[in-house]
Amino acid sequence: SRPDLLVSGDTGEFYVEAAAVLSGIVEEGRDSERES
């Protein structure tokens, strides 16, 4: 499979793959879903 986007401009063409990173503070014994 190809990446999400093929972008073309004056500087040439390139592929872009988009990804979201879910991160933050990790504390042992905690669970955000249950705490909510």
ModelCIF file with pLDDT and N, C-alpha, C, O atoms, coordinates in Angstrom:
data_MODEL
#
_entry.id   MODEL 
#
_entity.id                         1 
_entity.type                       polymer 
_entity.pdbx_number_of_molecules   1 
#
_entity_poly.entity_id                      1 
_entity_poly.type                           'polypeptide(L)' 
_entity_poly.nstd_linkage                   no 
_entity_poly.nstd_monomer                   no 
_entity_poly.pdbx_seq_one_letter_code       SRPDLLVSGDTGEFYVEAAAVLSGIVEEGRDSERES 
_entity_poly.pdbx_seq_one_letter_code_can   SRPDLLVSGDTGEFYVEAAAVLSGIVEEGRDSERES 
_entity_poly.pdbx_strand_id                 A 
#
loop_
_entity_poly_seq.entity_id 
_entity_poly_seq.num 
_entity_poly_seq.mon_id 
_entity_poly_seq.hetero 
1 1  SER n 
1 2  ARG n 
1 3  PRO n 
1 4  ASP n 
1 5  LEU n 
1 6  LEU n 
1 7  VAL n 
1 8  SER n 
1 9  GLY n 
1 10 ASP n 
1 11 THR n 
1 12 GLY n 
1 13 GLU n 
1 14 PHE n 
1 15 TYR n 
1 16 VAL n 
1 17 GLU n 
1 18 ALA n 
1 19 ALA n 
1 20 ALA n 
1 21 VAL n 
1 22 LEU n 
1 23 SER n 
1 24 GLY n 
1 25 ILE n 
1 26 VAL n 
1 27 GLU n 
1 28 GLU n 
1 29 GLY n 
1 30 ARG n 
1 31 ASP n 
1 32 SER n 
1 33 GLU n 
1 34 ARG n 
1 35 GLU n 
1 36 SER n 
#
_struct_asym.id          A 
_struct_asym.entity_id   1 
#
loop_
_ma_qa_metric.id 
_ma_qa_metric.mode 
_ma_qa_metric.name 
_ma_qa_metric.software_group_id 
_ma_qa_metric.type 
1 global pLDDT . pLDDT 
2 local  pLDDT . pLDDT 
#
_ma_qa_metric_global.metric_id      1 
_ma_qa_metric_global.metric_value   82.28 
_ma_qa_metric_global.model_id       1 
_ma_qa_metric_global.ordinal_id     1 
#
loop_
_ma_qa_metric_local.label_asym_id 
_ma_qa_metric_local.label_comp_id 
_ma_qa_metric_local.label_seq_id 
_ma_qa_metric_local.metric_id 
_ma_qa_metric_local.metric_value 
_ma_qa_metric_local.model_id 
_ma_qa_metric_local.ordinal_id 
A SER 1  2 69.00 1 1  
A ARG 2  2 77.00 1 2  
A PRO 3  2 89.00 1 3  
A ASP 4  2 90.00 1 4  
A LEU 5  2 94.00 1 5  
A LEU 6  2 94.00 1 6  
A VAL 7  2 96.00 1 7  
A SER 8  2 95.00 1 8  
A GLY 9  2 91.00 1 9  
A ASP 10 2 88.00 1 10 
A THR 11 2 81.00 1 11 
A GLY 12 2 88.00 1 12 
A GLU 13 2 94.00 1 13 
A PHE 14 2 95.00 1 14 
A TYR 15 2 95.00 1 15 
A VAL 16 2 95.00 1 16 
A GLU 17 2 94.00 1 17 
A ALA 18 2 94.00 1 18 
A ALA 19 2 92.00 1 19 
A ALA 20 2 90.00 1 20 
A VAL 21 2 89.00 1 21 
A LEU 22 2 80.00 1 22 
A SER 23 2 72.00 1 23 
A GLY 24 2 60.00 1 24 
A ILE 25 2 55.00 1 25 
A VAL 26 2 56.00 1 26 
A GLU 27 2 58.00 1 27 
A GLU 28 2 66.00 1 28 
A GLY 29 2 69.00 1 29 
A ARG 30 2 69.00 1 30 
A ASP 31 2 74.00 1 31 
A SER 32 2 78.00 1 32 
A GLU 33 2 78.00 1 33 
A ARG 34 2 85.00 1 34 
A GLU 35 2 85.00 1 35 
A SER 36 2 87.00 1 36 
#
loop_
_atom_site.group_PDB 
_atom_site.id 
_atom_site.type_symbol 
_atom_site.label_atom_id 
_atom_site.label_alt_id 
_atom_site.label_comp_id 
_atom_site.label_asym_id 
_atom_site.label_entity_id 
_atom_site.label_seq_id 
_atom_site.pdbx_PDB_ins_code 
_atom_site.Cartn_x 
_atom_site.Cartn_y 
_atom_site.Cartn_z 
_atom_site.occupancy 
_atom_site.B_iso_or_equiv 
_atom_site.pdbx_formal_charge 
_atom_site.auth_seq_id 
_atom_site.auth_comp_id 
_atom_site.auth_asym_id 
_atom_site.auth_atom_id 
_atom_site.pdbx_PDB_model_num 
ATOM 1   N N  . SER A 1 1  ? 0.823   -1.204 0.000  1.00 69.00 ? 1  SER A N  1 
ATOM 2   C CA . SER A 1 1  ? 0.000   0.000  0.000  1.00 69.00 ? 1  SER A CA 1 
ATOM 3   C C  . SER A 1 1  ? 0.856   1.253  0.000  1.00 69.00 ? 1  SER A C  1 
ATOM 4   O O  . SER A 1 1  ? 1.973   1.253  0.519  1.00 69.00 ? 1  SER A O  1 
ATOM 5   N N  . ARG A 1 2  ? 0.337   2.308  -0.576 1.00 77.00 ? 2  ARG A N  1 
ATOM 6   C CA . ARG A 1 2  ? 1.028   3.593  -0.607 1.00 77.00 ? 2  ARG A CA 1 
ATOM 7   C C  . ARG A 1 2  ? 0.720   4.378  0.669  1.00 77.00 ? 2  ARG A C  1 
ATOM 8   O O  . ARG A 1 2  ? -0.244  4.070  1.370  1.00 77.00 ? 2  ARG A O  1 
ATOM 9   N N  . PRO A 1 3  ? 1.538   5.392  0.972  1.00 89.00 ? 3  PRO A N  1 
ATOM 10  C CA . PRO A 1 3  ? 1.209   6.296  2.080  1.00 89.00 ? 3  PRO A CA 1 
ATOM 11  C C  . PRO A 1 3  ? -0.074  7.065  1.806  1.00 89.00 ? 3  PRO A C  1 
ATOM 12  O O  . PRO A 1 3  ? -0.637  6.983  0.714  1.00 89.00 ? 3  PRO A O  1 
ATOM 13  N N  . ASP A 1 4  ? -0.536  7.819  2.812  1.00 90.00 ? 4  ASP A N  1 
ATOM 14  C CA . ASP A 1 4  ? -1.843  8.467  2.737  1.00 90.00 ? 4  ASP A CA 1 
ATOM 15  C C  . ASP A 1 4  ? -1.947  9.497  1.621  1.00 90.00 ? 4  ASP A C  1 
ATOM 16  O O  . ASP A 1 4  ? -2.963  9.557  0.928  1.00 90.00 ? 4  ASP A O  1 
ATOM 17  N N  . LEU A 1 5  ? -0.905  10.312 1.437  1.00 94.00 ? 5  LEU A N  1 
ATOM 18  C CA . LEU A 1 5  ? -0.973  11.426 0.496  1.00 94.00 ? 5  LEU A CA 1 
ATOM 19  C C  . LEU A 1 5  ? 0.243   11.441 -0.424 1.00 94.00 ? 5  LEU A C  1 
ATOM 20  O O  . LEU A 1 5  ? 1.348   11.080 -0.019 1.00 94.00 ? 5  LEU A O  1 
ATOM 21  N N  . LEU A 1 6  ? 0.025   11.864 -1.667 1.00 94.00 ? 6  LEU A N  1 
ATOM 22  C CA . LEU A 1 6  ? 1.102   12.206 -2.584 1.00 94.00 ? 6  LEU A CA 1 
ATOM 23  C C  . LEU A 1 6  ? 1.007   13.706 -2.819 1.00 94.00 ? 6  LEU A C  1 
ATOM 24  O O  . LEU A 1 6  ? 0.017   14.196 -3.363 1.00 94.00 ? 6  LEU A O  1 
ATOM 25  N N  . VAL A 1 7  ? 2.038   14.429 -2.408 1.00 96.00 ? 7  VAL A N  1 
ATOM 26  C CA . VAL A 1 7  ? 2.042   15.889 -2.462 1.00 96.00 ? 7  VAL A CA 1 
ATOM 27  C C  . VAL A 1 7  ? 3.014   16.339 -3.541 1.00 96.00 ? 7  VAL A C  1 
ATOM 28  O O  . VAL A 1 7  ? 4.151   15.872 -3.590 1.00 96.00 ? 7  VAL A O  1 
ATOM 29  N N  . SER A 1 8  ? 2.569   17.249 -4.411 1.00 95.00 ? 8  SER A N  1 
ATOM 30  C CA . SER A 1 8  ? 3.387   17.725 -5.531 1.00 95.00 ? 8  SER A CA 1 
ATOM 31  C C  . SER A 1 8  ? 3.437   19.247 -5.513 1.00 95.00 ? 8  SER A C  1 
ATOM 32  O O  . SER A 1 8  ? 2.417   19.912 -5.334 1.00 95.00 ? 8  SER A O  1 
ATOM 33  N N  . GLY A 1 9  ? 4.650   19.795 -5.701 1.00 91.00 ? 9  GLY A N  1 
ATOM 34  C CA . GLY A 1 9  ? 4.815   21.242 -5.725 1.00 91.00 ? 9  GLY A CA 1 
ATOM 35  C C  . GLY A 1 9  ? 6.062   21.630 -6.484 1.00 91.00 ? 9  GLY A C  1 
ATOM 36  O O  . GLY A 1 9  ? 6.669   20.798 -7.158 1.00 91.00 ? 9  GLY A O  1 
ATOM 37  N N  . ASP A 1 10 ? 6.449   22.899 -6.377 1.00 88.00 ? 10 ASP A N  1 
ATOM 38  C CA . ASP A 1 10 ? 7.618   23.398 -7.100 1.00 88.00 ? 10 ASP A CA 1 
ATOM 39  C C  . ASP A 1 10 ? 8.902   22.702 -6.677 1.00 88.00 ? 10 ASP A C  1 
ATOM 40  O O  . ASP A 1 10 ? 9.850   22.615 -7.458 1.00 88.00 ? 10 ASP A O  1 
ATOM 41  N N  . THR A 1 11 ? 8.938   22.206 -5.443 1.00 81.00 ? 11 THR A N  1 
ATOM 42  C CA . THR A 1 11 ? 10.152  21.561 -4.939 1.00 81.00 ? 11 THR A CA 1 
ATOM 43  C C  . THR A 1 11 ? 10.161  20.061 -5.198 1.00 81.00 ? 11 THR A C  1 
ATOM 44  O O  . THR A 1 11 ? 11.081  19.370 -4.760 1.00 81.00 ? 11 THR A O  1 
ATOM 45  N N  . GLY A 1 12 ? 9.165   19.547 -5.894 1.00 88.00 ? 12 GLY A N  1 
ATOM 46  C CA . GLY A 1 12 ? 9.130   18.131 -6.215 1.00 88.00 ? 12 GLY A CA 1 
ATOM 47  C C  . GLY A 1 12 ? 7.950   17.424 -5.591 1.00 88.00 ? 12 GLY A C  1 
ATOM 48  O O  . GLY A 1 12 ? 7.048   18.054 -5.040 1.00 88.00 ? 12 GLY A O  1 
ATOM 49  N N  . GLU A 1 13 ? 7.966   16.105 -5.683 1.00 94.00 ? 13 GLU A N  1 
ATOM 50  C CA . GLU A 1 13 ? 6.899   15.268 -5.148 1.00 94.00 ? 13 GLU A CA 1 
ATOM 51  C C  . GLU A 1 13 ? 7.408   14.481 -3.942 1.00 94.00 ? 13 GLU A C  1 
ATOM 52  O O  . GLU A 1 13 ? 8.586   14.132 -3.867 1.00 94.00 ? 13 GLU A O  1 
ATOM 53  N N  . PHE A 1 14 ? 6.498   14.206 -2.996 1.00 95.00 ? 14 PHE A N  1 
ATOM 54  C CA . PHE A 1 14 ? 6.842   13.365 -1.855 1.00 95.00 ? 14 PHE A CA 1 
ATOM 55  C C  . PHE A 1 14 ? 5.570   12.761 -1.288 1.00 95.00 ? 14 PHE A C  1 
ATOM 56  O O  . PHE A 1 14 ? 4.473   13.294 -1.455 1.00 95.00 ? 14 PHE A O  1 
ATOM 57  N N  . TYR A 1 15 ? 5.748   11.631 -0.611 1.00 95.00 ? 15 TYR A N  1 
ATOM 58  C CA . TYR A 1 15 ? 4.650   10.962 0.052  1.00 95.00 ? 15 TYR A CA 1 
ATOM 59  C C  . TYR A 1 15 ? 4.563   11.426 1.499  1.00 95.00 ? 15 TYR A C  1 
ATOM 60  O O  . TYR A 1 15 ? 5.568   11.786 2.113  1.00 95.00 ? 15 TYR A O  1 
ATOM 61  N N  . VAL A 1 16 ? 3.332   11.410 2.039  1.00 95.00 ? 16 VAL A N  1 
ATOM 62  C CA . VAL A 1 16 ? 3.100   11.761 3.440  1.00 95.00 ? 16 VAL A CA 1 
ATOM 63  C C  . VAL A 1 16 ? 2.227   10.679 4.066  1.00 95.00 ? 16 VAL A C  1 
ATOM 64  O O  . VAL A 1 16 ? 1.169   10.337 3.538  1.00 95.00 ? 16 VAL A O  1 
ATOM 65  N N  . GLU A 1 17 ? 2.681   10.146 5.194  1.00 94.00 ? 17 GLU A N  1 
ATOM 66  C CA . GLU A 1 17 ? 1.889   9.216  6.001  1.00 94.00 ? 17 GLU A CA 1 
ATOM 67  C C  . GLU A 1 17 ? 1.519   9.924  7.291  1.00 94.00 ? 17 GLU A C  1 
ATOM 68  O O  . GLU A 1 17 ? 2.401   10.410 7.999  1.00 94.00 ? 17 GLU A O  1 
ATOM 69  N N  . ALA A 1 18 ? 0.228   9.992  7.613  1.00 94.00 ? 18 ALA A N  1 
ATOM 70  C CA . ALA A 1 18 ? -0.257  10.704 8.800  1.00 94.00 ? 18 ALA A CA 1 
ATOM 71  C C  . ALA A 1 18 ? -0.473  9.725  9.940  1.00 94.00 ? 18 ALA A C  1 
ATOM 72  O O  . ALA A 1 18 ? -1.027  8.643  9.743  1.00 94.00 ? 18 ALA A O  1 
ATOM 73  N N  . ALA A 1 19 ? -0.031  10.110 11.142 1.00 92.00 ? 19 ALA A N  1 
ATOM 74  C CA . ALA A 1 19 ? -0.212  9.248  12.317 1.00 92.00 ? 19 ALA A CA 1 
ATOM 75  C C  . ALA A 1 19 ? -0.370  10.116 13.556 1.00 92.00 ? 19 ALA A C  1 
ATOM 76  O O  . ALA A 1 19 ? 0.353   11.096 13.733 1.00 92.00 ? 19 ALA A O  1 
ATOM 77  N N  . ALA A 1 20 ? -1.316  9.751  14.410 1.00 90.00 ? 20 ALA A N  1 
ATOM 78  C CA . ALA A 1 20 ? -1.514  10.435 15.686 1.00 90.00 ? 20 ALA A CA 1 
ATOM 79  C C  . ALA A 1 20 ? -0.806  9.650  16.778 1.00 90.00 ? 20 ALA A C  1 
ATOM 80  O O  . ALA A 1 20 ? -0.881  8.421  16.815 1.00 90.00 ? 20 ALA A O  1 
ATOM 81  N N  . VAL A 1 21 ? -0.113  10.362 17.674 1.00 89.00 ? 21 VAL A N  1 
ATOM 82  C CA . VAL A 1 21 ? 0.615   9.749  18.777 1.00 89.00 ? 21 VAL A CA 1 
ATOM 83  C C  . VAL A 1 21 ? -0.108  10.080 20.077 1.00 89.00 ? 21 VAL A C  1 
ATOM 84  O O  . VAL A 1 21 ? -0.193  11.248 20.456 1.00 89.00 ? 21 VAL A O  1 
ATOM 85  N N  . LEU A 1 22 ? -0.625  9.073  20.759 1.00 80.00 ? 22 LEU A N  1 
ATOM 86  C CA . LEU A 1 22 ? -1.293  9.252  22.045 1.00 80.00 ? 22 LEU A CA 1 
ATOM 87  C C  . LEU A 1 22 ? -0.297  8.920  23.146 1.00 80.00 ? 22 LEU A C  1 
ATOM 88  O O  . LEU A 1 22 ? 0.141   7.776  23.270 1.00 80.00 ? 22 LEU A O  1 
ATOM 89  N N  . SER A 1 23 ? 0.057   9.914  23.940 1.00 72.00 ? 23 SER A N  1 
ATOM 90  C CA . SER A 1 23 ? 1.053   9.699  24.986 1.00 72.00 ? 23 SER A CA 1 
ATOM 91  C C  . SER A 1 23 ? 0.794   10.681 26.119 1.00 72.00 ? 23 SER A C  1 
ATOM 92  O O  . SER A 1 23 ? -0.170  11.445 26.070 1.00 72.00 ? 23 SER A O  1 
ATOM 93  N N  . GLY A 1 24 ? 1.639   10.666 27.129 1.00 60.00 ? 24 GLY A N  1 
ATOM 94  C CA . GLY A 1 24 ? 1.476   11.547 28.284 1.00 60.00 ? 24 GLY A CA 1 
ATOM 95  C C  . GLY A 1 24 ? 2.094   10.909 29.512 1.00 60.00 ? 24 GLY A C  1 
ATOM 96  O O  . GLY A 1 24 ? 3.028   10.114 29.404 1.00 60.00 ? 24 GLY A O  1 
ATOM 97  N N  . ILE A 1 25 ? 1.570   11.257 30.685 1.00 55.00 ? 25 ILE A N  1 
ATOM 98  C CA . ILE A 1 25 ? 2.102   10.725 31.935 1.00 55.00 ? 25 ILE A CA 1 
ATOM 99  C C  . ILE A 1 25 ? 1.589   9.303  32.149 1.00 55.00 ? 25 ILE A C  1 
ATOM 100 O O  . ILE A 1 25 ? 0.395   9.035  32.019 1.00 55.00 ? 25 ILE A O  1 
ATOM 101 N N  . VAL A 1 26 ? 2.496   8.412  32.473 1.00 56.00 ? 26 VAL A N  1 
ATOM 102 C CA . VAL A 1 26 ? 2.151   7.019  32.763 1.00 56.00 ? 26 VAL A CA 1 
ATOM 103 C C  . VAL A 1 26 ? 2.498   6.750  34.222 1.00 56.00 ? 26 VAL A C  1 
ATOM 104 O O  . VAL A 1 26 ? 3.665   6.810  34.608 1.00 56.00 ? 26 VAL A O  1 
ATOM 105 N N  . GLU A 1 27 ? 1.488   6.456  35.028 1.00 58.00 ? 27 GLU A N  1 
ATOM 106 C CA . GLU A 1 27 ? 1.693   6.141  36.438 1.00 58.00 ? 27 GLU A CA 1 
ATOM 107 C C  . GLU A 1 27 ? 1.199   4.725  36.698 1.00 58.00 ? 27 GLU A C  1 
ATOM 108 O O  . GLU A 1 27 ? 0.076   4.376  36.337 1.00 58.00 ? 27 GLU A O  1 
ATOM 109 N N  . GLU A 1 28 ? 2.036   3.920  37.321 1.00 66.00 ? 28 GLU A N  1 
ATOM 110 C CA . GLU A 1 28 ? 1.676   2.535  37.592 1.00 66.00 ? 28 GLU A CA 1 
ATOM 111 C C  . GLU A 1 28 ? 0.404   2.470  38.438 1.00 66.00 ? 28 GLU A C  1 
ATOM 112 O O  . GLU A 1 28 ? 0.267   3.178  39.436 1.00 66.00 ? 28 GLU A O  1 
ATOM 113 N N  . GLY A 1 29 ? -0.512  1.615  38.024 1.00 69.00 ? 29 GLY A N  1 
ATOM 114 C CA . GLY A 1 29 ? -1.749  1.425  38.766 1.00 69.00 ? 29 GLY A CA 1 
ATOM 115 C C  . GLY A 1 29 ? -2.877  2.357  38.358 1.00 69.00 ? 29 GLY A C  1 
ATOM 116 O O  . GLY A 1 29 ? -4.000  2.206  38.838 1.00 69.00 ? 29 GLY A O  1 
ATOM 117 N N  . ARG A 1 30 ? -2.602  3.322  37.477 1.00 69.00 ? 30 ARG A N  1 
ATOM 118 C CA . ARG A 1 30 ? -3.647  4.257  37.060 1.00 69.00 ? 30 ARG A CA 1 
ATOM 119 C C  . ARG A 1 30 ? -4.262  3.801  35.744 1.00 69.00 ? 30 ARG A C  1 
ATOM 120 O O  . ARG A 1 30 ? -3.612  3.117  34.953 1.00 69.00 ? 30 ARG A O  1 
ATOM 121 N N  . ASP A 1 31 ? -5.514  4.179  35.512 1.00 74.00 ? 31 ASP A N  1 
ATOM 122 C CA . ASP A 1 31 ? -6.214  3.819  34.289 1.00 74.00 ? 31 ASP A CA 1 
ATOM 123 C C  . ASP A 1 31 ? -7.209  4.923  33.970 1.00 74.00 ? 31 ASP A C  1 
ATOM 124 O O  . ASP A 1 31 ? -8.228  5.058  34.649 1.00 74.00 ? 31 ASP A O  1 
ATOM 125 N N  . SER A 1 32 ? -6.922  5.710  32.945 1.00 78.00 ? 32 SER A N  1 
ATOM 126 C CA . SER A 1 32 ? -7.744  6.885  32.631 1.00 78.00 ? 32 SER A CA 1 
ATOM 127 C C  . SER A 1 32 ? -9.172  6.520  32.290 1.00 78.00 ? 32 SER A C  1 
ATOM 128 O O  . SER A 1 32 ? -10.104 7.230  32.669 1.00 78.00 ? 32 SER A O  1 
ATOM 129 N N  . GLU A 1 33 ? -9.356  5.411  31.572 1.00 78.00 ? 33 GLU A N  1 
ATOM 130 C CA . GLU A 1 33 ? -10.713 5.037  31.168 1.00 78.00 ? 33 GLU A CA 1 
ATOM 131 C C  . GLU A 1 33 ? -11.564 4.683  32.381 1.00 78.00 ? 33 GLU A C  1 
ATOM 132 O O  . GLU A 1 33 ? -12.700 5.143  32.496 1.00 78.00 ? 33 GLU A O  1 
ATOM 133 N N  . ARG A 1 34 ? -11.024 3.871  33.287 1.00 85.00 ? 34 ARG A N  1 
ATOM 134 C CA . ARG A 1 34 ? -11.797 3.498  34.472 1.00 85.00 ? 34 ARG A CA 1 
ATOM 135 C C  . ARG A 1 34 ? -11.997 4.698  35.390 1.00 85.00 ? 34 ARG A C  1 
ATOM 136 O O  . ARG A 1 34 ? -13.068 4.860  35.973 1.00 85.00 ? 34 ARG A O  1 
ATOM 137 N N  . GLU A 1 35 ? -10.988 5.526  35.519 1.00 85.00 ? 35 GLU A N  1 
ATOM 138 C CA . GLU A 1 35 ? -11.111 6.697  36.389 1.00 85.00 ? 35 GLU A CA 1 
ATOM 139 C C  . GLU A 1 35 ? -12.187 7.651  35.886 1.00 85.00 ? 35 GLU A C  1 
ATOM 140 O O  . GLU A 1 35 ? -12.842 8.326  36.680 1.00 85.00 ? 35 GLU A O  1 
ATOM 141 N N  . SER A 1 36 ? -12.369 7.708  34.567 1.00 87.00 ? 36 SER A N  1 
ATOM 142 C CA . SER A 1 36 ? -13.391 8.607  34.020 1.00 87.00 ? 36 SER A CA 1 
ATOM 143 C C  . SER A 1 36 ? -14.790 8.182  34.442 1.00 87.00 ? 36 SER A C  1 
ATOM 144 O O  . SER A 1 36 ? -15.769 8.829  34.070 1.00 87.00 ? 36 SER A O  1 
#
